[in-house]
Amino acid sequence: MTWKALSEFQWESMGPEIILIAAALLLLVLELVLPKNVSRKVIGWVGLISVVAAFVWLITLYNHEPVNLLFGTFKLDSFSLVFKTILLIGAILVLLLALGDHTISEQSEYYTLFITALIGTMYMASSSDLITLFVGLELLSISSYILVGIQKRREGSSEAALKYVINGGISTAITLFGLSYTYGLTGTTNITEMNLALSQGVASSNEFLLIIAFVLVFVGLSFKLASVPFHMWAPDVYEGAPTPVTAFLATVSKTGGFIIVLRIFLSIFTGALLMEQQKSVFEVMQPVVGVLAALSMIIGNTIALKQNNLKRMLAYSGIAHGGYILVAFLSISPFMFESIWFYLLAYTFMTIGILTIVYNVQQQRGSDSLSAFAGLVKSNPYLAIAMTIFVLSLAGIPLTSGFIGKLNIFMGAFVPVKGFYVLGGILLLTTVISYFYYFGILQNVFFRSGEERPVVLPKTHILVVIICVIMTVALGIKPSLAYDVFHQLEIVKDFFQA
């Protein structure tokens, strides 16, 4: 690029990403130049400030016109803005959680890897080309593998990292294999150009290849979403990884997974017309996606009933919540985007909030089993109230954000002409099943006696819990706080424009 081209480039559109890239480089330099006697938490605070700065810059872009940069590979549109908002909010909360975790707060590599993974998710949100989309996915994945095994002297962390690497490598290979078919059928990696090429119709001789591409890409990404039957890594990784890493995987990484699913499947496969059936590939394959959504809701909630370890229980619960979001994705209703976005936002607050409490109970009572939470109401009543709010929201009880999220998905399942009544029924039934293990947590907190020694939280963790409680309740009582922002950005129009 010439100097003139560089000076005229719309750098502000990539402001959040540029800040994070600069921060990652700065953290590497700080690790080298800081004296050994200086606490490495300084690096963590620099990382946190950089993520906050990226979030503030992102807010200023809300009124920015949609633009395509870097030869159409980077797109700033309403879709990227709203999902980057969730990513950065989740990242800020997870960094606050990490700064209060004495087991990793002094490990400077955690913060560098964390921001690197965050950069990957941010690029995925704005990518409109398969190459940059895949690079963002791998940046997230490889950083996540290392983060899971960052406590290399701890057996559980090393085992979790090994399982995650093996499953992640398989999913990457399958995804890339499927994407290679879509490239071969269209001759381009640009998502917009692929949409235009496939919307003209696919020759009958190539229809089978396009269906194979759909299946391979969806199976590969299902590993990332921990959808049944590709969920086998999630419980062990959630339990074995340090809690701040678990929080990252459950919220920021999961949001990144749904971002890439929406980008690929709604941009490519919903418009790919099969000439013989006069239907899109997505319409033909809807039953397959529906089965995986149903299995995720049923198996996730059913196996969670038998869990005694709270982090494993939340892993299976997360599998079920992923199934709920797949119902919204499958319906392709006018409310699909807002339902998925709101649910991911609500899930971020309630999951990070409850994992913050789980971490402190585990550290101070020596276990994260259900029995460790016995008598929490006596040792720390405020923490017990916060725990109750998060559990009720995960269960989908009214006056919480979780209820609004599930209600929107449930109603959206019946909007299409051919409503997904069976999936809506399964969603309702499995939500009722989830009450048994969610209320089992509260039974231990309020009605069983246990250790009366107070559970004391670090200041950063108190801040995380307060923010998560406020947002969980506020979004449940007045969901328009989030929806007003969403509707002002005209996300559907921007997403589908050529």
Protein backbone atom coordinates (compact mmCIF):
# COMPACT_ATOMS: atom_id res chain seq x y z
CA MET A 1 0.00 0.00 0.00
CA THR A 2 1.23 3.50 -0.80
CA TRP A 3 1.51 6.22 1.83
CA LYS A 4 -1.55 7.92 0.35
CA ALA A 5 -3.55 4.71 0.60
CA LEU A 6 -2.41 4.20 4.19
CA SER A 7 -3.36 7.75 5.15
CA GLU A 8 -6.82 7.38 3.60
CA PHE A 9 -7.48 3.97 5.12
CA GLN A 10 -10.36 3.92 7.63
CA TRP A 11 -8.24 2.84 10.59
CA GLU A 12 -10.93 3.86 13.08
CA SER A 13 -13.14 1.02 11.82
CA MET A 14 -10.55 -1.45 13.09
CA GLY A 15 -9.84 0.54 16.26
CA PRO A 16 -10.77 -2.17 18.81
CA GLU A 17 -8.69 -4.80 17.02
CA ILE A 18 -5.70 -2.45 16.66
CA ILE A 19 -5.84 -1.65 20.39
CA LEU A 20 -5.87 -5.35 21.29
CA ILE A 21 -3.03 -6.21 18.91
CA ALA A 22 -0.94 -3.37 20.37
CA ALA A 23 -1.81 -4.58 23.87
CA ALA A 24 -0.71 -8.15 23.11
CA LEU A 25 2.65 -6.87 21.85
CA LEU A 26 2.99 -4.53 24.84
CA LEU A 27 2.33 -7.37 27.30
CA LEU A 28 5.08 -9.44 25.70
CA VAL A 29 7.53 -6.55 26.04
CA LEU A 30 6.51 -5.84 29.64
CA GLU A 31 7.23 -9.45 30.60
CA LEU A 32 10.78 -8.98 29.32
CA VAL A 33 11.55 -5.57 30.83
CA LEU A 34 9.81 -5.73 34.22
CA PRO A 35 12.12 -6.63 37.11
CA LYS A 36 11.52 -10.07 38.61
CA ASN A 37 10.51 -8.59 41.97
CA VAL A 38 7.60 -6.68 40.39
CA SER A 39 4.21 -8.40 40.59
CA ARG A 40 2.99 -9.74 37.24
CA LYS A 41 -0.48 -8.48 38.10
CA VAL A 42 0.71 -5.20 36.57
CA ILE A 43 0.61 -6.96 33.20
CA GLY A 44 -2.92 -8.12 33.96
CA TRP A 45 -4.08 -4.60 34.76
CA VAL A 46 -2.53 -3.29 31.54
CA GLY A 47 -4.41 -6.00 29.67
CA LEU A 48 -7.66 -5.08 31.41
CA ILE A 49 -7.22 -1.38 30.60
CA SER A 50 -6.60 -2.23 26.94
CA VAL A 51 -9.79 -4.33 26.73
CA VAL A 52 -11.78 -1.54 28.37
CA ALA A 53 -10.28 0.93 25.87
CA ALA A 54 -11.27 -1.38 23.00
CA PHE A 55 -14.81 -1.56 24.40
CA VAL A 56 -15.08 2.23 24.66
CA TRP A 57 -13.82 2.59 21.08
CA LEU A 58 -16.36 0.01 19.95
CA ILE A 59 -19.20 2.03 21.47
CA THR A 60 -18.10 5.07 19.45
CA LEU A 61 -18.48 2.99 16.26
CA TYR A 62 -22.19 2.35 16.85
CA ASN A 63 -23.09 5.26 14.55
CA HIS A 64 -20.47 4.36 11.95
CA GLU A 65 -21.64 3.49 8.45
CA PRO A 66 -21.12 -0.17 7.41
CA VAL A 67 -17.82 -0.57 5.54
CA ASN A 68 -15.80 -3.32 3.82
CA LEU A 69 -12.04 -3.16 4.32
CA LEU A 70 -8.95 -5.09 3.23
CA PHE A 71 -10.37 -6.13 -0.13
CA GLY A 72 -13.67 -7.22 1.37
CA THR A 73 -12.20 -9.54 4.02
CA PHE A 74 -13.06 -7.32 7.00
CA LYS A 75 -16.58 -6.01 7.46
CA LEU A 76 -17.75 -3.47 10.03
CA ASP A 77 -21.51 -3.85 10.25
CA SER A 78 -24.21 -4.02 12.90
CA PHE A 79 -23.77 -7.78 13.30
CA SER A 80 -20.09 -7.41 14.18
CA LEU A 81 -20.76 -4.48 16.52
CA VAL A 82 -23.38 -6.18 18.68
CA PHE A 83 -21.50 -9.47 18.98
CA LYS A 84 -18.19 -7.73 19.67
CA THR A 85 -20.01 -5.99 22.52
CA ILE A 86 -20.69 -9.37 24.15
CA LEU A 87 -17.12 -10.52 23.53
CA LEU A 88 -15.55 -7.45 25.17
CA ILE A 89 -17.97 -7.41 28.12
CA GLY A 90 -17.22 -11.06 28.77
CA ALA A 91 -13.48 -10.44 28.39
CA ILE A 92 -13.52 -7.59 30.94
CA LEU A 93 -15.34 -9.74 33.50
CA VAL A 94 -13.07 -12.75 32.94
CA LEU A 95 -9.94 -10.59 33.35
CA LEU A 96 -11.30 -9.24 36.64
CA LEU A 97 -11.90 -12.83 37.71
CA ALA A 98 -8.33 -13.80 36.71
CA LEU A 99 -6.78 -10.87 38.60
CA GLY A 100 -8.35 -12.20 41.81
CA ASP A 101 -7.28 -15.80 41.15
CA HIS A 102 -4.03 -16.30 43.06
CA THR A 103 -3.24 -19.47 41.08
CA ILE A 104 -2.78 -17.69 37.73
CA SER A 105 -2.81 -13.94 38.45
CA GLU A 106 1.00 -13.92 38.54
CA GLN A 107 1.33 -15.84 35.25
CA SER A 108 1.86 -13.09 32.71
CA GLU A 109 1.49 -15.50 29.78
CA TYR A 110 -2.18 -15.96 30.71
CA TYR A 111 -3.00 -12.34 29.87
CA THR A 112 -1.10 -12.39 26.56
CA LEU A 113 -2.77 -15.62 25.45
CA PHE A 114 -6.15 -14.37 26.61
CA ILE A 115 -5.96 -11.18 24.55
CA THR A 116 -4.65 -13.16 21.56
CA ALA A 117 -7.68 -15.46 21.77
CA LEU A 118 -9.94 -12.42 22.10
CA ILE A 119 -8.41 -10.93 18.92
CA GLY A 120 -9.34 -14.16 17.13
CA THR A 121 -12.99 -13.89 18.17
CA MET A 122 -13.10 -10.20 17.22
CA TYR A 123 -11.82 -10.95 13.72
CA MET A 124 -14.34 -13.77 13.38
CA ALA A 125 -17.14 -11.29 14.11
CA SER A 126 -16.00 -8.97 11.30
CA SER A 127 -14.68 -11.47 8.81
CA SER A 128 -16.37 -11.82 5.42
CA ASP A 129 -13.84 -14.20 3.90
CA LEU A 130 -13.27 -17.88 4.71
CA ILE A 131 -9.50 -17.43 5.04
CA THR A 132 -9.63 -14.66 7.65
CA LEU A 133 -12.54 -16.42 9.35
CA PHE A 134 -10.50 -19.59 9.70
CA VAL A 135 -7.40 -17.69 10.85
CA GLY A 136 -9.51 -16.03 13.57
CA LEU A 137 -10.90 -19.43 14.59
CA GLU A 138 -7.43 -20.94 14.87
CA LEU A 139 -6.10 -17.93 16.78
CA LEU A 140 -8.88 -18.54 19.30
CA SER A 141 -8.42 -22.32 19.35
CA ILE A 142 -4.63 -22.53 19.72
CA SER A 143 -4.59 -19.87 22.46
CA SER A 144 -7.41 -21.71 24.25
CA TYR A 145 -5.50 -25.03 24.19
CA ILE A 146 -2.57 -23.41 26.00
CA LEU A 147 -4.81 -21.55 28.45
CA VAL A 148 -6.53 -24.79 29.50
CA GLY A 149 -3.16 -26.40 30.28
CA ILE A 150 -1.53 -23.28 31.75
CA GLN A 151 -1.18 -24.97 35.17
CA LYS A 152 1.16 -27.57 33.74
CA ARG A 153 2.08 -29.05 37.11
CA ARG A 154 -1.57 -29.79 37.89
CA GLU A 155 -2.73 -33.16 36.58
CA GLY A 156 -6.33 -32.09 35.93
CA SER A 157 -5.26 -29.10 33.85
CA SER A 158 -2.83 -31.14 31.73
CA GLU A 159 -5.40 -33.87 31.12
CA ALA A 160 -8.02 -31.30 30.12
CA ALA A 161 -5.59 -29.62 27.72
CA LEU A 162 -4.72 -32.93 26.05
CA LYS A 163 -8.38 -33.82 25.50
CA TYR A 164 -9.13 -30.33 24.24
CA VAL A 165 -6.21 -30.36 21.76
CA ILE A 166 -7.20 -33.76 20.34
CA ASN A 167 -10.87 -32.86 19.92
CA GLY A 168 -10.01 -29.38 18.68
CA GLY A 169 -7.62 -30.75 16.07
CA ILE A 170 -10.28 -33.16 14.80
CA SER A 171 -12.88 -30.40 14.59
CA THR A 172 -10.47 -28.08 12.75
CA ALA A 173 -9.67 -30.75 10.16
CA ILE A 174 -13.34 -31.56 9.55
CA THR A 175 -14.30 -27.86 9.29
CA LEU A 176 -11.49 -27.10 6.86
CA PHE A 177 -12.39 -30.14 4.75
CA GLY A 178 -15.99 -28.89 4.48
CA LEU A 179 -14.91 -25.34 3.64
CA SER A 180 -12.64 -26.67 0.88
CA TYR A 181 -15.72 -28.11 -0.84
CA THR A 182 -17.51 -24.76 -0.75
CA TYR A 183 -14.42 -23.12 -2.25
CA GLY A 184 -14.22 -25.78 -4.94
CA LEU A 185 -17.87 -25.29 -5.88
CA THR A 186 -17.69 -21.49 -6.06
CA GLY A 187 -14.08 -20.67 -6.93
CA THR A 188 -13.87 -17.95 -4.26
CA THR A 189 -13.31 -17.60 -0.53
CA ASN A 190 -15.24 -14.34 -0.20
CA ILE A 191 -18.50 -15.08 1.64
CA THR A 192 -20.54 -12.48 -0.26
CA GLU A 193 -19.33 -13.78 -3.62
CA MET A 194 -20.04 -17.35 -2.52
CA ASN A 195 -23.59 -16.35 -1.61
CA LEU A 196 -24.12 -14.79 -5.04
CA ALA A 197 -22.70 -17.82 -6.85
CA LEU A 198 -24.71 -20.41 -4.92
CA SER A 199 -27.97 -18.43 -4.98
CA GLN A 200 -28.06 -18.91 -8.77
CA GLY A 201 -28.60 -22.62 -8.17
CA VAL A 202 -26.30 -25.64 -7.97
CA ALA A 203 -26.05 -28.19 -10.76
CA SER A 204 -27.63 -31.53 -9.87
CA SER A 205 -24.23 -33.22 -10.20
CA ASN A 206 -22.83 -30.96 -7.47
CA GLU A 207 -25.76 -30.98 -5.05
CA PHE A 208 -24.44 -33.95 -3.11
CA LEU A 209 -21.07 -32.22 -2.67
CA LEU A 210 -22.78 -29.13 -1.30
CA ILE A 211 -24.73 -31.22 1.20
CA ILE A 212 -21.50 -32.96 2.23
CA ALA A 213 -19.89 -29.52 2.71
CA PHE A 214 -22.79 -28.46 4.94
CA VAL A 215 -22.53 -31.61 7.05
CA LEU A 216 -18.75 -31.41 7.45
CA VAL A 217 -18.71 -27.73 8.39
CA PHE A 218 -21.58 -28.14 10.83
CA VAL A 219 -20.02 -31.21 12.46
CA GLY A 220 -16.67 -29.45 12.77
CA LEU A 221 -18.19 -26.36 14.36
CA SER A 222 -20.42 -28.50 16.61
CA PHE A 223 -17.24 -29.50 18.43
CA LYS A 224 -16.63 -25.82 19.16
CA LEU A 225 -20.22 -25.39 20.39
CA ALA A 226 -20.05 -28.64 22.44
CA SER A 227 -23.27 -29.85 20.82
CA VAL A 228 -24.27 -33.49 21.34
CA PRO A 229 -22.80 -35.89 20.22
CA PHE A 230 -19.63 -33.79 19.87
CA HIS A 231 -19.65 -32.64 23.49
CA MET A 232 -17.38 -35.24 25.07
CA TRP A 233 -14.54 -32.81 25.78
CA ALA A 234 -16.57 -30.13 27.58
CA PRO A 235 -17.12 -31.65 31.09
CA ASP A 236 -13.48 -32.68 31.55
CA VAL A 237 -12.14 -29.39 30.19
CA TYR A 238 -14.52 -27.27 32.28
CA GLU A 239 -13.55 -29.20 35.43
CA GLY A 240 -9.81 -29.42 34.77
CA ALA A 241 -9.13 -25.90 33.49
CA PRO A 242 -8.51 -22.98 35.90
CA THR A 243 -11.82 -21.26 36.65
CA PRO A 244 -11.03 -18.03 34.71
CA VAL A 245 -10.28 -20.22 31.67
CA THR A 246 -13.50 -22.15 32.20
CA ALA A 247 -15.38 -18.84 32.31
CA PHE A 248 -13.68 -17.77 29.09
CA LEU A 249 -14.56 -21.00 27.28
CA ALA A 250 -18.15 -20.95 28.52
CA THR A 251 -18.85 -17.37 27.44
CA VAL A 252 -16.39 -15.62 25.10
CA SER A 253 -15.33 -18.76 23.22
CA LYS A 254 -18.91 -20.08 22.95
CA THR A 255 -20.06 -16.69 21.61
CA GLY A 256 -17.25 -16.88 19.05
CA GLY A 257 -18.49 -20.32 18.01
CA PHE A 258 -22.00 -19.05 17.36
CA ILE A 259 -20.61 -16.02 15.49
CA ILE A 260 -18.83 -18.26 12.97
CA VAL A 261 -21.92 -20.50 12.65
CA LEU A 262 -24.12 -17.50 11.85
CA ARG A 263 -21.60 -16.01 9.43
CA ILE A 264 -21.10 -19.21 7.45
CA PHE A 265 -24.50 -20.87 7.46
CA LEU A 266 -26.74 -17.83 7.09
CA SER A 267 -24.50 -16.17 4.52
CA ILE A 268 -23.72 -19.24 2.42
CA PHE A 269 -26.04 -22.19 2.93
CA THR A 270 -29.41 -20.47 3.42
CA GLY A 271 -29.12 -19.00 -0.08
CA ALA A 272 -27.56 -22.07 -1.75
CA LEU A 273 -30.37 -23.32 -3.97
CA LEU A 274 -30.69 -26.99 -4.91
CA MET A 275 -32.28 -26.97 -8.36
CA GLU A 276 -33.91 -30.41 -8.18
CA GLN A 277 -35.73 -29.74 -4.91
CA GLN A 278 -36.08 -25.98 -5.32
CA LYS A 279 -34.99 -25.61 -1.71
CA SER A 280 -31.90 -24.20 -0.05
CA VAL A 281 -29.34 -26.56 1.46
CA PHE A 282 -30.25 -25.18 4.88
CA GLU A 283 -33.93 -26.09 4.41
CA VAL A 284 -33.03 -29.62 3.34
CA MET A 285 -30.67 -30.11 6.31
CA GLN A 286 -32.91 -28.51 8.95
CA PRO A 287 -33.99 -31.92 10.34
CA VAL A 288 -30.35 -32.83 11.02
CA VAL A 289 -29.70 -29.56 12.89
CA GLY A 290 -33.00 -30.05 14.74
CA VAL A 291 -31.95 -33.51 15.94
CA LEU A 292 -28.65 -32.16 17.30
CA ALA A 293 -30.47 -29.31 19.06
CA ALA A 294 -32.92 -31.77 20.63
CA LEU A 295 -30.15 -34.16 21.70
CA SER A 296 -28.16 -31.30 23.23
CA MET A 297 -31.15 -30.16 25.30
CA ILE A 298 -32.15 -33.67 26.39
CA ILE A 299 -28.75 -35.23 27.08
CA GLY A 300 -27.21 -32.06 28.55
CA ASN A 301 -29.98 -31.61 31.11
CA THR A 302 -30.39 -35.33 31.83
CA ILE A 303 -26.72 -36.05 32.56
CA ALA A 304 -26.48 -32.85 34.63
CA LEU A 305 -28.98 -34.43 37.04
CA LYS A 306 -26.35 -36.95 38.14
CA GLN A 307 -23.45 -34.54 38.59
CA ASN A 308 -22.04 -33.79 42.02
CA ASN A 309 -19.23 -31.51 40.85
CA LEU A 310 -20.62 -28.05 40.15
CA LYS A 311 -18.23 -27.22 37.28
CA ARG A 312 -19.15 -30.46 35.50
CA MET A 313 -22.81 -29.70 36.13
CA LEU A 314 -22.38 -26.26 34.56
CA ALA A 315 -20.61 -27.91 31.60
CA TYR A 316 -23.60 -30.15 30.89
CA SER A 317 -25.89 -27.20 31.55
CA GLY A 318 -23.88 -25.23 28.96
CA ILE A 319 -24.41 -28.05 26.44
CA ALA A 320 -28.16 -27.73 27.02
CA HIS A 321 -28.04 -23.94 26.69
CA GLY A 322 -26.21 -24.38 23.39
CA GLY A 323 -29.14 -26.56 22.30
CA TYR A 324 -31.58 -23.77 23.20
CA ILE A 325 -29.64 -21.33 21.01
CA LEU A 326 -29.62 -23.84 18.14
CA VAL A 327 -33.44 -23.81 18.28
CA ALA A 328 -33.37 -20.05 17.62
CA PHE A 329 -30.77 -20.54 14.87
CA LEU A 330 -32.86 -23.26 13.23
CA SER A 331 -36.09 -21.26 13.16
CA ILE A 332 -34.73 -18.45 10.91
CA SER A 333 -37.48 -16.23 12.30
CA PRO A 334 -37.51 -12.40 12.21
CA PHE A 335 -36.50 -12.55 15.89
CA MET A 336 -33.61 -14.98 15.43
CA PHE A 337 -30.73 -12.50 15.69
CA GLU A 338 -32.11 -10.67 18.69
CA SER A 339 -32.98 -13.93 20.46
CA ILE A 340 -29.49 -15.37 20.02
CA TRP A 341 -27.75 -12.10 20.87
CA PHE A 342 -29.81 -11.47 24.00
CA TYR A 343 -29.41 -15.05 25.19
CA LEU A 344 -25.63 -14.98 24.76
CA LEU A 345 -25.46 -11.63 26.59
CA ALA A 346 -27.59 -12.90 29.47
CA TYR A 347 -25.68 -16.20 29.58
CA THR A 348 -22.38 -14.32 29.81
CA PHE A 349 -23.41 -12.45 32.96
CA MET A 350 -25.01 -15.36 34.81
CA THR A 351 -22.27 -17.87 33.94
CA ILE A 352 -19.31 -15.67 34.85
CA GLY A 353 -21.14 -14.64 38.02
CA ILE A 354 -21.78 -18.18 39.22
CA LEU A 355 -18.26 -19.37 38.28
CA THR A 356 -16.77 -16.53 40.34
CA ILE A 357 -18.64 -17.82 43.39
CA VAL A 358 -17.69 -21.43 42.58
CA TYR A 359 -14.00 -20.46 42.43
CA ASN A 360 -14.01 -18.82 45.85
CA VAL A 361 -15.91 -21.66 47.51
CA GLN A 362 -13.51 -24.15 45.92
CA GLN A 363 -10.44 -22.24 47.12
CA GLN A 364 -11.68 -21.68 50.67
CA ARG A 365 -13.52 -24.95 51.28
CA GLY A 366 -11.27 -27.22 49.24
CA SER A 367 -13.91 -28.55 46.86
CA ASP A 368 -16.38 -27.50 44.17
CA SER A 369 -18.79 -30.35 44.90
CA LEU A 370 -22.40 -29.57 45.85
CA SER A 371 -21.69 -30.38 49.50
CA ALA A 372 -19.10 -27.58 49.63
CA PHE A 373 -21.95 -25.06 49.20
CA ALA A 374 -23.89 -26.41 52.18
CA GLY A 375 -24.72 -23.66 54.67
CA LEU A 376 -23.45 -20.85 52.43
CA VAL A 377 -26.43 -18.72 53.51
CA LYS A 378 -25.05 -18.67 57.07
CA SER A 379 -21.41 -18.07 56.23
CA ASN A 380 -22.07 -15.39 53.60
CA PRO A 381 -25.76 -14.48 53.09
CA TYR A 382 -25.00 -11.89 50.38
CA LEU A 383 -23.12 -14.49 48.37
CA ALA A 384 -26.00 -16.92 48.84
CA ILE A 385 -28.43 -14.33 47.44
CA ALA A 386 -26.18 -13.71 44.44
CA MET A 387 -25.88 -17.46 43.88
CA THR A 388 -29.67 -17.75 44.00
CA ILE A 389 -30.11 -15.04 41.34
CA PHE A 390 -27.64 -16.74 38.97
CA VAL A 391 -29.18 -20.19 39.47
CA LEU A 392 -32.72 -18.86 38.94
CA SER A 393 -31.59 -17.12 35.76
CA LEU A 394 -29.93 -20.28 34.43
CA ALA A 395 -33.15 -22.14 35.20
CA GLY A 396 -35.22 -19.52 33.37
CA ILE A 397 -37.32 -18.24 36.26
CA PRO A 398 -39.27 -14.96 35.68
CA LEU A 399 -37.72 -11.59 36.60
CA THR A 400 -34.30 -12.81 35.43
CA SER A 401 -32.56 -12.38 32.08
CA GLY A 402 -32.51 -16.15 31.56
CA PHE A 403 -36.31 -16.21 31.52
CA ILE A 404 -36.53 -13.49 28.86
CA GLY A 405 -33.92 -15.27 26.76
CA LYS A 406 -35.69 -18.64 26.86
CA LEU A 407 -39.09 -17.05 26.31
CA ASN A 408 -37.91 -15.33 23.13
CA ILE A 409 -36.41 -18.53 21.76
CA PHE A 410 -39.54 -20.50 22.68
CA MET A 411 -41.85 -18.00 20.98
CA GLY A 412 -39.54 -17.72 17.96
CA ALA A 413 -39.84 -21.48 17.36
CA PHE A 414 -43.53 -21.02 16.50
CA VAL A 415 -43.19 -17.98 14.22
CA PRO A 416 -42.25 -19.75 10.95
CA VAL A 417 -45.08 -21.05 8.77
CA LYS A 418 -43.97 -24.58 9.55
CA GLY A 419 -43.39 -24.02 13.25
CA PHE A 420 -40.89 -26.13 15.17
CA TYR A 421 -43.46 -27.34 17.66
CA VAL A 422 -41.56 -30.48 18.68
CA LEU A 423 -38.38 -28.53 19.43
CA GLY A 424 -40.40 -25.93 21.34
CA GLY A 425 -41.94 -28.71 23.40
CA ILE A 426 -38.54 -30.30 24.09
CA LEU A 427 -37.18 -26.89 25.13
CA LEU A 428 -40.04 -26.49 27.61
CA LEU A 429 -39.77 -30.05 28.94
CA THR A 430 -35.99 -29.98 29.38
CA THR A 431 -36.22 -26.60 31.11
CA VAL A 432 -38.49 -28.24 33.69
CA ILE A 433 -36.01 -31.12 34.03
CA SER A 434 -33.22 -28.61 34.70
CA TYR A 435 -35.10 -27.32 37.74
CA PHE A 436 -34.19 -30.50 39.62
CA TYR A 437 -30.43 -29.99 39.51
CA TYR A 438 -30.55 -26.17 39.68
CA PHE A 439 -32.75 -26.23 42.77
CA GLY A 440 -30.50 -28.97 44.17
CA ILE A 441 -27.79 -26.29 44.35
CA LEU A 442 -30.10 -23.97 46.28
CA GLN A 443 -31.11 -26.83 48.56
CA ASN A 444 -27.49 -27.15 49.66
CA VAL A 445 -27.03 -23.39 49.99
CA PHE A 446 -30.10 -22.80 52.18
CA PHE A 447 -31.26 -26.04 53.79
CA ARG A 448 -28.16 -28.06 54.60
CA SER A 449 -25.64 -27.34 57.29
CA GLY A 450 -22.00 -27.04 56.44
CA GLU A 451 -18.82 -25.14 57.21
CA GLU A 452 -19.63 -21.82 58.86
CA ARG A 453 -16.29 -20.15 58.15
CA PRO A 454 -17.06 -17.05 56.01
CA VAL A 455 -16.29 -17.16 52.30
CA VAL A 456 -14.37 -13.94 51.59
CA LEU A 457 -14.06 -12.61 48.03
CA PRO A 458 -11.21 -10.48 46.61
CA LYS A 459 -12.25 -6.96 45.62
CA THR A 460 -12.14 -7.71 41.89
CA HIS A 461 -14.41 -10.72 42.42
CA ILE A 462 -16.86 -8.64 44.45
CA LEU A 463 -17.02 -6.21 41.53
CA VAL A 464 -17.66 -9.08 39.07
CA VAL A 465 -20.46 -10.53 41.20
CA ILE A 466 -22.12 -7.12 41.68
CA ILE A 467 -22.02 -6.31 37.95
CA CYS A 468 -23.37 -9.75 37.02
CA VAL A 469 -26.17 -9.60 39.61
CA ILE A 470 -27.25 -6.12 38.53
CA MET A 471 -27.27 -7.01 34.83
CA THR A 472 -28.99 -10.38 35.34
CA VAL A 473 -31.84 -8.73 37.25
CA ALA A 474 -31.96 -5.55 35.13
CA LEU A 475 -32.20 -7.46 31.84
CA GLY A 476 -34.90 -9.65 33.36
CA ILE A 477 -37.04 -6.75 34.59
CA LYS A 478 -36.35 -4.39 31.68
CA PRO A 479 -34.99 -6.30 28.66
CA SER A 480 -35.48 -3.19 26.52
CA LEU A 481 -32.17 -1.95 27.94
CA ALA A 482 -30.49 -4.42 25.57
CA TYR A 483 -33.11 -4.64 22.83
CA ASP A 484 -33.20 -0.88 22.23
CA VAL A 485 -29.49 -0.92 21.41
CA PHE A 486 -29.97 -3.94 19.18
CA HIS A 487 -32.88 -2.53 17.20
CA GLN A 488 -31.21 0.82 16.58
CA LEU A 489 -28.45 -0.89 14.63
CA GLU A 490 -30.65 -2.56 11.97
CA ILE A 491 -28.61 -5.76 12.23
CA VAL A 492 -30.71 -7.92 9.89
CA LYS A 493 -30.51 -5.38 7.06
CA ASP A 494 -26.74 -4.97 7.41
CA PHE A 495 -26.08 -8.72 7.69
CA PHE A 496 -27.83 -9.71 4.50
CA GLN A 497 -26.84 -6.79 2.31
CA ALA A 498 -24.64 -7.74 -0.60
